[in-house]
């Protein structure tokens, strides 16, 4: 800009001097002086404007360079944050896998203890132990689910779910907590409600909503969970008689980004995100003097055929339990033997194959991650290679997406730890019912292999 302005000054400057010095017919000396002064002033202003524009361009160029540098720094910082989040998620997953094992064993032992014929005081202690184990498992899963939600790896495992069974189980686990606060906890349920959802995640959402309702209620009040049909859907409502919530509190209750209470407990925010993941976003309604109602809706399954109780449905079934955690093996044995199963246990694939060859099982329950030898999927392949009709159920604390996809493609159900004893029993029963009955040489007590001992292609290389 300066160069053209300077060129203009060089061209116009002599013209101004010529107007001043060279006589021009019809122009007085005063007019010539005025024109020359005006022209020179214009030249000065043009130069100043040119310098200002050049300064602005230089500043814009510097800003662009600074923006580019900041952009690069932003990308670098964002990459570091993502790397740190991934590392944190891996660490949490690894810690979670180790913590899940003793928590799962505790749940199994407590569940088995509750079902024993105990004198009243011991039975009460057993129920409290079971409730405490349930609370511990819930809190652990909340932290782990928060990590999985942040990384986008949490996927619902949908199945037909009996709403009454879920509600009864959740409220029973919170009865000790409610009575300790001087509160009543009850439910009003329409019969025969079955929904298509993830049982574990639904229980987590309902437990969190009930705990929040108990927190809002004062001693002597009650909390009720209701379920009914509405326009072809199942509506579940958690209703408390606590204080009224103002608009800001209702907004925070549905905020998936931050904890909804001053303690920093992440459970409410996790529950909001889990409900959305299930396709059942939460709604809140409150009336002056009537407390708060939190509502969610789930798709109903046509028909109302009851889901069979698994209490005694495993009688006589031979189950092979393969897990590298001694406490988990022992706890699983207690639960299954209480239901009439014959149970063989193994700590690694070598022991599992020896036990199966000595006495062919009806169902094998195999941990995905085994400390020694083959992986759980590889062991499943070997067992199915010898007995094509053998039912296999996979279970694990940390469930890598790839392993779950491989197992699902091979027709193997996958369960997550910790799991309720009832759901474990039901999964084993269903797997046994789907499996082909043992026939021929493959069914012999000695475990003689079939003519083809080659594992299925979809598992052999895993």
Protein backbone atom coordinates (compact mmCIF):
# COMPACT_ATOMS: atom_id res chain seq x y z
CA UNK A 1 0.00 0.00 0.00
CA UNK A 2 2.88 2.38 0.80
CA UNK A 3 4.55 1.88 -2.56
CA UNK A 4 1.48 2.94 -4.62
CA UNK A 5 0.95 5.89 -2.28
CA UNK A 6 4.56 6.97 -2.71
CA UNK A 7 4.23 6.65 -6.48
CA UNK A 8 1.11 8.80 -6.35
CA UNK A 9 2.92 11.42 -4.32
CA UNK A 10 5.79 11.49 -6.81
CA UNK A 11 3.34 12.03 -9.66
CA UNK A 12 1.05 14.54 -8.00
CA UNK A 13 3.72 16.48 -6.11
CA UNK A 14 5.21 18.05 -9.27
CA UNK A 15 1.70 18.84 -10.47
CA UNK A 16 1.01 20.75 -7.30
CA UNK A 17 4.32 22.64 -7.67
CA UNK A 18 3.52 23.38 -11.32
CA UNK A 19 0.12 24.83 -10.40
CA UNK A 20 1.89 27.02 -7.92
CA UNK A 21 4.78 28.29 -10.10
CA UNK A 22 3.58 28.09 -13.70
CA UNK A 23 1.21 30.90 -14.67
CA UNK A 24 -2.18 29.62 -15.76
CA UNK A 25 -4.63 31.84 -17.67
CA UNK A 26 -7.80 32.47 -15.71
CA UNK A 27 -6.38 31.24 -12.35
CA UNK A 28 -5.36 33.74 -9.76
CA UNK A 29 -2.30 33.14 -7.63
CA UNK A 30 -4.51 32.61 -4.57
CA UNK A 31 -6.56 29.95 -6.31
CA UNK A 32 -3.42 28.21 -7.51
CA UNK A 33 -1.98 28.27 -3.97
CA UNK A 34 -5.23 26.86 -2.55
CA UNK A 35 -5.33 24.07 -5.09
CA UNK A 36 -1.70 23.19 -4.44
CA UNK A 37 -2.23 23.17 -0.66
CA UNK A 38 -5.33 20.98 -0.98
CA UNK A 39 -3.49 18.58 -3.26
CA UNK A 40 -0.53 18.35 -0.92
CA UNK A 41 -2.83 17.78 2.07
CA UNK A 42 -4.53 14.96 0.17
CA UNK A 43 -1.14 13.45 -0.57
CA UNK A 44 -0.22 13.58 3.16
CA UNK A 45 -3.54 12.00 4.17
CA UNK A 46 -3.14 9.30 1.55
CA UNK A 47 0.29 8.46 2.91
CA UNK A 48 -0.99 8.26 6.45
CA UNK A 49 -3.89 6.05 5.40
CA UNK A 50 -1.50 3.80 3.49
CA UNK A 51 0.77 3.46 6.54
CA UNK A 52 -2.24 2.67 8.75
CA UNK A 53 -3.46 0.01 6.31
CA UNK A 54 -0.01 -1.52 6.18
CA UNK A 55 0.07 -1.61 10.00
CA UNK A 56 -3.33 -3.31 10.06
CA UNK A 57 -2.21 -5.87 7.50
CA UNK A 58 0.92 -6.59 9.50
CA UNK A 59 -1.17 -7.00 12.65
CA UNK A 60 -3.63 -9.29 10.82
CA UNK A 61 -0.72 -11.38 9.56
CA UNK A 62 0.68 -11.64 13.09
CA UNK A 63 -2.75 -12.63 14.40
CA UNK A 64 -3.07 -15.33 11.73
CA UNK A 65 0.32 -16.71 12.67
CA UNK A 66 -0.61 -16.61 16.37
CA UNK A 67 -3.93 -18.33 15.63
CA UNK A 68 -2.15 -21.02 13.65
CA UNK A 69 0.28 -21.53 16.53
CA UNK A 70 -2.57 -21.66 19.03
CA UNK A 71 -4.44 -24.10 16.80
CA UNK A 72 -1.46 -26.37 16.73
CA UNK A 73 -1.07 -26.06 20.48
CA UNK A 74 -4.81 -26.72 20.93
CA UNK A 75 -4.58 -29.88 18.81
CA UNK A 76 -1.53 -30.97 20.77
CA UNK A 77 -3.25 -30.34 24.11
CA UNK A 78 -6.42 -32.09 22.89
CA UNK A 79 -4.35 -35.08 21.83
CA UNK A 80 -2.68 -35.18 25.23
CA UNK A 81 -6.04 -35.00 26.99
CA UNK A 82 -7.40 -37.86 24.86
CA UNK A 83 -4.29 -39.92 25.52
CA UNK A 84 -4.61 -39.27 29.26
CA UNK A 85 -8.32 -40.18 29.20
CA UNK A 86 -7.60 -43.42 27.34
CA UNK A 87 -4.81 -44.28 29.78
CA UNK A 88 -7.10 -43.49 32.73
CA UNK A 89 -9.86 -45.64 31.23
CA UNK A 90 -7.46 -48.55 30.76
CA UNK A 91 -6.23 -48.16 34.33
CA UNK A 92 -9.78 -48.02 35.69
CA UNK A 93 -10.71 -51.07 33.60
CA UNK A 94 -7.71 -53.01 34.92
CA UNK A 95 -8.41 -52.02 38.52
CA UNK A 96 -12.09 -52.74 37.99
CA UNK A 97 -11.32 -56.23 36.76
CA UNK A 98 -9.36 -56.95 39.93
CA UNK A 99 -12.02 -55.42 42.19
CA UNK A 100 -14.90 -57.17 40.47
CA UNK A 101 -13.59 -60.62 41.38
CA UNK A 102 -13.82 -60.31 45.20
CA UNK A 103 -17.03 -58.26 44.93
CA UNK A 104 -18.57 -60.94 42.72
CA UNK A 105 -17.46 -63.67 45.12
CA UNK A 106 -18.95 -61.69 48.03
CA UNK A 107 -22.27 -61.41 46.17
CA UNK A 108 -22.32 -65.15 45.48
CA UNK A 109 -21.53 -66.11 49.09
CA UNK A 110 -24.07 -63.62 50.47
CA UNK A 111 -26.77 -64.78 48.06
CA UNK A 112 -26.18 -68.40 49.03
CA UNK A 113 -26.17 -67.52 52.72
CA UNK A 114 -29.51 -65.70 52.51
CA UNK A 115 -31.15 -68.85 51.13
CA UNK A 116 -29.93 -71.05 53.99
CA UNK A 117 -32.32 -72.08 56.81
CA UNK A 118 -30.95 -69.79 59.53
CA UNK A 119 -32.27 -68.74 62.92
CA UNK A 120 -33.86 -65.24 62.83
CA UNK A 121 -30.88 -63.23 64.07
CA UNK A 122 -28.46 -64.94 61.67
CA UNK A 123 -30.96 -64.57 58.82
CA UNK A 124 -31.17 -60.82 59.50
CA UNK A 125 -27.39 -60.52 59.46
CA UNK A 126 -27.27 -62.47 56.20
CA UNK A 127 -29.80 -60.09 54.61
CA UNK A 128 -27.76 -57.07 55.76
CA UNK A 129 -24.59 -58.64 54.39
CA UNK A 130 -26.33 -59.26 51.08
CA UNK A 131 -27.63 -55.67 50.96
CA UNK A 132 -24.15 -54.29 51.73
CA UNK A 133 -22.63 -56.44 48.99
CA UNK A 134 -25.27 -55.20 46.58
CA UNK A 135 -24.47 -51.57 47.49
CA UNK A 136 -20.74 -52.17 47.08
CA UNK A 137 -21.27 -53.73 43.65
CA UNK A 138 -23.52 -50.83 42.64
CA UNK A 139 -20.96 -48.18 43.62
CA UNK A 140 -18.14 -50.04 41.88
CA UNK A 141 -20.17 -50.41 38.68
CA UNK A 142 -21.10 -46.70 38.79
CA UNK A 143 -17.43 -45.72 38.61
CA UNK A 144 -16.68 -48.27 35.90
CA UNK A 145 -19.76 -47.34 33.87
CA UNK A 146 -18.76 -43.67 34.04
CA UNK A 147 -15.43 -44.60 32.49
CA UNK A 148 -17.09 -46.74 29.80
CA UNK A 149 -19.61 -44.01 29.02
CA UNK A 150 -16.82 -41.46 28.56
CA UNK A 151 -15.02 -43.75 26.11
CA UNK A 152 -18.23 -44.82 24.35
CA UNK A 153 -17.68 -48.57 24.84
CA UNK A 154 -20.72 -49.28 27.01
CA UNK A 155 -23.41 -51.10 25.02
CA UNK A 156 -26.78 -52.32 26.34
CA UNK A 157 -27.32 -56.10 26.37
CA UNK A 158 -31.04 -56.22 25.62
CA UNK A 159 -33.21 -59.14 26.65
CA UNK A 160 -36.78 -59.77 27.83
CA UNK A 161 -36.95 -58.43 31.37
CA UNK A 162 -39.63 -59.08 34.00
CA UNK A 163 -40.28 -55.62 35.51
CA UNK A 164 -41.73 -57.00 38.74
CA UNK A 165 -38.67 -59.18 39.36
CA UNK A 166 -36.33 -56.21 38.83
CA UNK A 167 -38.32 -53.86 41.07
CA UNK A 168 -38.69 -56.43 43.85
CA UNK A 169 -34.96 -57.18 43.77
CA UNK A 170 -33.96 -53.49 43.84
CA UNK A 171 -36.36 -52.52 46.62
CA UNK A 172 -35.40 -55.55 48.69
CA UNK A 173 -31.74 -54.53 48.47
CA UNK A 174 -32.62 -51.03 49.77
CA UNK A 175 -34.95 -52.05 52.59
CA UNK A 176 -32.16 -51.93 55.18
CA UNK A 177 -31.14 -48.44 54.02
CA UNK A 178 -34.74 -47.19 54.07
CA UNK A 179 -35.56 -48.60 57.50
CA UNK A 180 -32.36 -47.08 58.90
CA UNK A 181 -33.64 -43.66 57.78
CA UNK A 182 -37.08 -44.24 59.25
CA UNK A 183 -38.65 -44.40 55.78
CA UNK A 184 -41.04 -46.83 54.14
CA UNK A 185 -40.20 -48.28 50.74
CA UNK A 186 -42.85 -50.00 48.65
CA UNK A 187 -44.05 -50.72 45.14
CA UNK A 188 -47.31 -50.84 43.18
CA UNK A 189 -46.90 -52.93 40.04
CA UNK A 190 -49.21 -53.99 37.27
CA UNK A 191 -48.83 -57.72 36.70
CA UNK A 192 -47.19 -59.29 33.65
CA UNK A 193 -45.03 -56.34 32.53
CA UNK A 194 -42.10 -57.45 30.39
CA UNK A 195 -39.80 -55.02 28.60
CA UNK A 196 -36.97 -55.18 26.09
CA UNK A 197 -33.97 -53.68 27.86
CA UNK A 198 -30.68 -54.34 29.63
CA UNK A 199 -31.56 -55.84 33.01
CA UNK A 200 -28.36 -54.77 34.76
CA UNK A 201 -28.48 -51.17 33.53
CA UNK A 202 -32.18 -50.85 34.36
CA UNK A 203 -31.51 -52.06 37.91
CA UNK A 204 -28.70 -49.52 38.21
CA UNK A 205 -30.95 -46.67 37.08
CA UNK A 206 -33.81 -47.65 39.40
CA UNK A 207 -31.50 -48.13 42.38
CA UNK A 208 -29.97 -44.69 41.85
CA UNK A 209 -33.39 -43.05 41.51
CA UNK A 210 -34.62 -44.77 44.69
CA UNK A 211 -31.52 -43.75 46.64
CA UNK A 212 -31.99 -40.13 45.51
CA UNK A 213 -35.65 -40.27 46.57
CA UNK A 214 -34.66 -41.62 49.99
CA UNK A 215 -32.13 -38.80 50.34
CA UNK A 216 -34.83 -36.19 49.63
CA UNK A 217 -37.32 -37.69 52.10
CA UNK A 218 -37.61 -37.00 55.79
CA UNK A 219 -38.11 -39.61 58.49
CA UNK A 220 -41.66 -40.92 58.56
CA UNK A 221 -42.25 -40.37 54.85
CA UNK A 222 -42.40 -43.02 52.14
CA UNK A 223 -40.96 -43.75 48.72
CA UNK A 224 -42.93 -45.78 46.18
CA UNK A 225 -42.01 -47.20 42.79
CA UNK A 226 -44.91 -47.79 40.41
CA UNK A 227 -45.07 -49.58 37.05
CA UNK A 228 -48.01 -49.78 34.63
CA UNK A 229 -48.97 -49.94 30.96
CA UNK A 230 -49.58 -46.69 29.10
CA UNK A 231 -50.14 -46.43 25.35
CA UNK A 232 -48.29 -49.65 24.60
CA UNK A 233 -45.30 -48.80 26.78
CA UNK A 234 -44.22 -49.59 30.32
CA UNK A 235 -44.13 -46.52 32.55
CA UNK A 236 -42.04 -46.70 35.73
CA UNK A 237 -42.26 -43.90 38.29
CA UNK A 238 -40.29 -43.29 41.48
CA UNK A 239 -42.39 -41.13 43.79
CA UNK A 240 -41.29 -39.59 47.08
CA UNK A 241 -43.05 -37.44 49.65
CA UNK A 242 -40.04 -35.23 50.25
CA UNK A 243 -39.63 -31.50 49.85
CA UNK A 244 -40.54 -29.74 46.63
CA UNK A 245 -37.76 -29.17 44.11
CA UNK A 246 -37.25 -25.74 42.59
CA UNK A 247 -36.68 -25.43 38.80
CA UNK A 248 -32.88 -25.33 39.20
CA UNK A 249 -32.89 -28.52 41.28
CA UNK A 250 -35.10 -30.29 38.73
CA UNK A 251 -32.73 -29.22 35.95
CA UNK A 252 -29.72 -30.52 37.90
CA UNK A 253 -31.52 -33.80 38.52
CA UNK A 254 -31.65 -34.38 34.76
CA UNK A 255 -28.17 -33.03 34.01
CA UNK A 256 -25.97 -35.78 32.58
CA UNK A 257 -22.83 -33.68 32.81
CA UNK A 258 -22.42 -32.95 36.51
CA UNK A 259 -23.34 -34.58 39.83
CA UNK A 260 -26.86 -33.68 40.95
CA UNK A 261 -26.03 -33.36 44.63
CA UNK A 262 -23.49 -31.36 46.66
CA UNK A 263 -21.58 -34.49 47.71
CA UNK A 264 -20.18 -34.94 44.22
CA UNK A 265 -21.69 -38.42 43.89
CA UNK A 266 -21.55 -39.28 40.16
CA UNK A 267 -24.42 -41.79 40.39
CA UNK A 268 -27.27 -39.40 39.43
CA UNK A 269 -25.44 -38.13 36.35
CA UNK A 270 -24.53 -41.70 35.37
CA UNK A 271 -28.16 -42.77 35.83
CA UNK A 272 -29.32 -40.01 33.47
CA UNK A 273 -26.87 -41.16 30.81
CA UNK A 274 -27.70 -44.85 31.31
CA UNK A 275 -31.42 -44.14 30.96
CA UNK A 276 -30.75 -42.28 27.71
CA UNK A 277 -28.61 -45.20 26.53
CA UNK A 278 -31.56 -47.52 27.16
CA UNK A 279 -33.83 -45.24 25.12
CA UNK A 280 -35.73 -44.24 28.26
CA UNK A 281 -34.87 -40.58 29.02
CA UNK A 282 -35.92 -39.42 32.46
CA UNK A 283 -38.66 -36.91 33.19
CA UNK A 284 -39.32 -35.06 36.45
CA UNK A 285 -42.63 -33.76 37.78
CA UNK A 286 -43.21 -32.08 41.11
CA UNK A 287 -46.25 -30.55 42.78
CA UNK A 288 -46.30 -28.27 45.83
CA UNK A 289 -46.63 -30.43 48.91
CA UNK A 290 -46.68 -33.67 46.90
CA UNK A 291 -42.97 -34.40 46.54
CA UNK A 292 -41.23 -35.44 43.33
CA UNK A 293 -41.99 -38.02 40.63
CA UNK A 294 -39.22 -39.25 38.32
CA UNK A 295 -40.52 -41.13 35.29
CA UNK A 296 -39.10 -43.32 32.53
CA UNK A 297 -40.72 -45.34 29.75
CA UNK A 298 -39.61 -48.62 28.17
CA UNK A 299 -40.93 -50.64 25.22
CA UNK A 300 -43.27 -53.44 26.24
CA UNK A 301 -42.91 -56.97 24.92
CA UNK A 302 -46.13 -58.39 23.52
CA UNK A 303 -47.71 -61.10 25.63
CA UNK A 304 -47.53 -61.65 29.33
CA UNK A 305 -46.11 -65.15 29.67
CA UNK A 306 -44.31 -65.30 33.00
CA UNK A 307 -40.60 -65.92 33.08
CA UNK A 308 -39.96 -69.24 34.80
CA UNK A 309 -38.49 -69.08 38.26
CA UNK A 310 -34.97 -70.54 38.30
CA UNK A 311 -35.08 -71.59 41.93
CA UNK A 312 -35.03 -75.33 41.31
CA UNK A 313 -34.65 -75.49 37.52
CA UNK A 314 -31.01 -76.64 37.56
CA UNK A 315 -31.53 -79.81 39.56
CA UNK A 316 -29.32 -82.60 38.25
CA UNK A 317 -27.41 -80.39 35.80
CA UNK A 318 -23.64 -80.91 35.68
CA UNK A 319 -21.82 -77.56 35.42
CA UNK A 320 -18.11 -77.08 34.80
CA UNK A 321 -16.92 -73.77 36.31
CA UNK A 322 -13.62 -72.45 34.94
CA UNK A 323 -12.23 -69.37 36.74
CA UNK A 324 -8.75 -68.45 37.94
CA UNK A 325 -10.10 -66.81 41.13
CA UNK A 326 -10.49 -69.36 43.99
CA UNK A 327 -13.14 -67.25 45.76
CA UNK A 328 -15.23 -66.99 42.60
CA UNK A 329 -15.01 -70.75 42.01
CA UNK A 330 -16.07 -71.45 45.59
CA UNK A 331 -18.90 -68.91 45.54
CA UNK A 332 -20.25 -70.20 42.24
CA UNK A 333 -20.12 -73.77 43.54
CA UNK A 334 -22.17 -72.77 46.62
CA UNK A 335 -24.86 -71.05 44.51
CA UNK A 336 -25.17 -73.87 42.00
CA UNK A 337 -25.06 -76.72 44.49
CA UNK A 338 -27.81 -75.00 46.48
CA UNK A 339 -29.94 -75.37 43.34
CA UNK A 340 -29.26 -79.07 42.90
CA UNK A 341 -26.37 -78.93 40.40
CA UNK A 342 -23.36 -81.18 40.25
CA UNK A 343 -20.39 -78.84 40.00
CA UNK A 344 -16.83 -79.39 38.77
CA UNK A 345 -14.33 -76.54 39.07
CA UNK A 346 -11.08 -75.75 37.28
CA UNK A 347 -8.53 -72.93 37.58
CA UNK A 348 -7.12 -73.13 34.04
CA UNK A 349 -7.76 -74.74 30.64
CA UNK A 350 -5.63 -77.81 31.39
CA UNK A 351 -7.62 -78.61 34.54
CA UNK A 352 -10.85 -77.88 32.68
CA UNK A 353 -10.07 -80.35 29.89
CA UNK A 354 -9.07 -83.03 32.42
CA UNK A 355 -12.31 -82.53 34.36
CA UNK A 356 -14.43 -82.59 31.20
CA UNK A 357 -12.75 -85.74 29.90
CA UNK A 358 -13.31 -87.45 33.25
CA UNK A 359 -16.98 -86.42 33.44
CA UNK A 360 -18.63 -84.61 30.54
CA UNK A 361 -20.51 -81.52 31.79
CA UNK A 362 -23.90 -80.36 30.56
CA UNK A 363 -22.86 -76.70 30.70
CA UNK A 364 -19.46 -74.99 30.93
CA UNK A 365 -19.23 -71.58 32.62
CA UNK A 366 -15.91 -70.08 31.48
CA UNK A 367 -14.20 -66.82 32.41
CA UNK A 368 -13.09 -64.84 29.37
CA UNK A 369 -9.75 -63.91 30.93
CA UNK A 370 -7.78 -66.79 32.40
CA UNK A 371 -4.40 -66.17 34.00
CA UNK A 372 -2.71 -69.31 32.66
CA UNK A 373 -2.80 -71.09 29.32
CA UNK A 374 -5.43 -70.43 26.71
CA UNK A 375 -8.02 -67.69 26.78
CA UNK A 376 -11.58 -68.51 27.74
CA UNK A 377 -12.65 -68.37 24.09
CA UNK A 378 -9.92 -70.80 23.06
CA UNK A 379 -10.97 -73.21 25.80
CA UNK A 380 -14.58 -72.91 24.64
CA UNK A 381 -13.42 -73.82 21.14
CA UNK A 382 -11.65 -76.96 22.37
CA UNK A 383 -14.64 -78.09 24.43
CA UNK A 384 -17.06 -77.53 21.56
CA UNK A 385 -14.63 -79.25 19.24
CA UNK A 386 -15.01 -82.42 21.30
CA UNK A 387 -18.71 -82.10 22.14
CA UNK A 388 -20.67 -80.16 19.56
CA UNK A 389 -23.79 -80.18 21.74
CA UNK A 390 -22.06 -78.81 24.83
CA UNK A 391 -23.62 -75.61 26.21
CA UNK A 392 -21.05 -72.91 26.97
CA UNK A 393 -21.61 -69.60 28.77
CA UNK A 394 -18.85 -66.98 28.91
CA UNK A 395 -18.48 -64.62 31.85
CA UNK A 396 -16.06 -61.82 32.66
CA UNK A 397 -15.45 -58.69 34.66
CA UNK A 398 -13.82 -56.65 31.91
CA UNK A 399 -15.59 -57.39 28.61
CA UNK A 400 -13.47 -56.28 25.63
CA UNK A 401 -15.72 -55.41 22.71
CA UNK A 402 -13.82 -57.62 20.28
CA UNK A 403 -14.04 -60.67 22.55
CA UNK A 404 -17.78 -60.10 23.06
CA UNK A 405 -18.32 -59.84 19.30
CA UNK A 406 -16.37 -63.06 18.68
CA UNK A 407 -18.32 -64.92 21.37
CA UNK A 408 -21.64 -63.62 20.11
CA UNK A 409 -20.80 -64.61 16.53
CA UNK A 410 -20.05 -68.12 17.80
CA UNK A 411 -23.40 -68.30 19.56
CA UNK A 412 -21.96 -68.02 23.08
CA UNK A 413 -23.86 -65.91 25.62
CA UNK A 414 -21.65 -63.46 27.56
CA UNK A 415 -22.37 -62.40 31.14
CA UNK A 416 -20.75 -59.52 33.02
CA UNK A 417 -19.42 -59.72 36.58
CA UNK A 418 -20.75 -59.11 39.13
CA UNK A 419 -24.01 -60.81 38.24
CA UNK A 420 -27.00 -61.68 40.40
CA UNK A 421 -27.26 -65.36 41.27
CA UNK A 422 -30.75 -65.57 39.76
CA UNK A 423 -29.59 -64.23 36.43
CA UNK A 424 -26.59 -66.58 36.39
CA UNK A 425 -28.85 -69.56 37.05
CA UNK A 426 -31.29 -68.47 34.37
CA UNK A 427 -28.51 -68.07 31.80
CA UNK A 428 -27.18 -71.55 32.52
CA UNK A 429 -30.67 -73.04 32.28
CA UNK A 430 -31.36 -71.29 28.97
CA UNK A 431 -28.00 -72.38 27.54
CA UNK A 432 -28.65 -75.97 28.61
CA UNK A 433 -32.14 -75.91 27.05
CA UNK A 434 -30.74 -74.66 23.72
CA UNK A 435 -27.92 -77.21 23.57
CA UNK A 436 -28.27 -80.48 21.73
CA UNK A 437 -28.57 -83.53 24.00
CA UNK A 438 -25.40 -85.61 24.27
CA UNK A 439 -25.37 -88.55 21.88
CA UNK A 440 -22.97 -91.19 20.67
CA UNK A 441 -19.32 -91.30 21.49
CA UNK A 442 -19.23 -87.62 22.29
CA UNK A 443 -21.50 -88.26 25.26
CA UNK A 444 -19.46 -90.99 26.87
CA UNK A 445 -18.34 -90.57 30.43
CA UNK A 446 -14.73 -90.89 29.37
CA UNK A 447 -15.08 -87.90 27.10
CA UNK A 448 -14.11 -89.76 23.93
CA UNK A 449 -13.75 -87.22 21.14
CA UNK A 450 -15.90 -87.07 18.09
CA UNK A 451 -14.44 -88.08 14.74
CA UNK A 452 -13.59 -84.44 14.10
CA UNK A 453 -11.64 -82.79 16.94
CA UNK A 454 -11.16 -79.49 15.10
CA UNK A 455 -12.46 -76.40 16.93
CA UNK A 456 -14.95 -74.16 15.11
CA UNK A 457 -13.27 -71.73 12.73
CA UNK A 458 -14.70 -68.64 14.40
CA UNK A 459 -13.02 -69.49 17.74
CA UNK A 460 -9.98 -71.55 16.77
CA UNK A 461 -7.70 -68.61 15.99
CA UNK A 462 -8.74 -66.52 18.99
